[in-house]
Amino acid sequence: MTDTYSDTLVFFGVTGDLAYKQVFPALQSMIRHGHLDMPVIGVAGRPWSIEQLQAHVRASLEEHGSVDEKAFAKLCSLLQYVSGS
């Protein structure tokens, strides 16, 4: 079996409940274990800035796990946001 590599992770609904409760903690965990080192593009309909999204991610991690500052900083550096549907 060969290893596969993705150039970018894109997910829709980045401002929604599933992302808030499960996806962001999972992404932080992937970073902590060295399994995520690619751009993460979140798409949603809300007209947020990247700073608003990063604050949303931090709140998610505080509520549904814990914030690993090093992994959180890495996640923020990988995170991009596109407002649209």
Protein backbone atom coordinates (compact mmCIF):
# COMPACT_ATOMS: atom_id res chain seq x y z
CA MET A 1 0.00 0.00 0.00
CA THR A 2 1.33 3.44 -0.85
CA ASP A 3 1.00 6.51 1.28
CA THR A 4 -1.32 9.16 -0.07
CA TYR A 5 -0.96 12.88 0.38
CA SER A 6 -3.52 15.64 0.14
CA ASP A 7 -2.60 19.19 -0.76
CA THR A 8 -5.44 20.86 1.11
CA LEU A 9 -8.26 19.96 3.48
CA VAL A 10 -11.48 21.79 2.60
CA PHE A 11 -14.58 21.45 4.72
CA PHE A 12 -17.96 23.08 4.47
CA GLY A 13 -19.87 24.23 7.54
CA VAL A 14 -16.81 25.48 9.40
CA THR A 15 -18.98 27.76 11.58
CA GLY A 16 -21.49 25.03 12.43
CA ASP A 17 -22.09 22.81 15.45
CA LEU A 18 -20.32 19.72 14.12
CA ALA A 19 -17.12 21.67 13.48
CA TYR A 20 -17.41 23.35 16.89
CA LYS A 21 -18.01 20.17 18.86
CA GLN A 22 -15.91 17.62 16.98
CA VAL A 23 -13.90 18.81 13.98
CA PHE A 24 -11.75 21.47 15.65
CA PRO A 25 -10.72 19.22 18.56
CA ALA A 26 -9.93 16.47 16.02
CA LEU A 27 -7.83 18.82 13.88
CA GLN A 28 -5.85 19.94 16.93
CA SER A 29 -5.29 16.29 17.85
CA MET A 30 -4.10 15.52 14.33
CA ILE A 31 -1.58 18.36 14.57
CA ARG A 32 -0.37 17.16 17.98
CA HIS A 33 0.28 13.72 16.51
CA GLY A 34 1.99 15.06 13.38
CA HIS A 35 -0.80 14.06 10.99
CA LEU A 36 -1.87 17.46 9.69
CA ASP A 37 0.50 19.74 7.84
CA MET A 38 -1.53 21.20 4.99
CA PRO A 39 -3.78 24.20 4.50
CA VAL A 40 -7.23 23.84 6.06
CA ILE A 41 -9.86 25.85 4.19
CA GLY A 42 -13.16 26.30 5.97
CA VAL A 43 -16.22 27.37 4.03
CA ALA A 44 -19.43 28.81 5.49
CA GLY A 45 -22.04 31.42 4.73
CA ARG A 46 -21.20 33.79 7.57
CA PRO A 47 -19.16 36.86 6.61
CA TRP A 48 -16.44 36.28 9.24
CA SER A 49 -12.87 37.45 9.32
CA ILE A 50 -10.09 34.94 9.91
CA GLU A 51 -9.69 36.43 13.40
CA GLN A 52 -13.35 35.67 14.17
CA LEU A 53 -12.88 32.10 12.99
CA GLN A 54 -9.73 31.67 15.08
CA ALA A 55 -11.61 32.94 18.16
CA HIS A 56 -14.39 30.46 17.36
CA VAL A 57 -11.84 27.64 17.14
CA ARG A 58 -10.29 28.62 20.49
CA ALA A 59 -13.73 28.70 22.15
CA SER A 60 -14.44 25.26 20.69
CA LEU A 61 -11.23 23.82 22.08
CA GLU A 62 -11.80 25.40 25.49
CA GLU A 63 -15.32 23.94 25.66
CA HIS A 64 -14.73 20.55 24.03
CA GLY A 65 -11.27 19.51 25.09
CA SER A 66 -8.31 21.69 25.91
CA VAL A 67 -6.14 24.21 24.14
CA ASP A 68 -2.63 23.04 23.29
CA GLU A 69 -1.08 26.44 22.55
CA LYS A 70 1.55 25.08 20.18
CA ALA A 71 -0.95 22.96 18.22
CA PHE A 72 -3.50 25.80 18.25
CA ALA A 73 -0.94 28.23 16.81
CA LYS A 74 -0.11 25.70 14.09
CA LEU A 75 -3.81 25.19 13.32
CA CYS A 76 -4.32 28.96 13.06
CA SER A 77 -1.37 29.20 10.68
CA LEU A 78 -2.93 26.53 8.45
CA LEU A 79 -6.49 27.84 8.67
CA GLN A 80 -8.10 29.90 5.91
CA TYR A 81 -11.72 30.98 5.55
CA VAL A 82 -13.99 31.41 2.55
CA SER A 83 -17.43 32.93 2.98
CA GLY A 84 -19.86 31.45 0.50
CA SER A 85 -22.23 28.61 -0.15
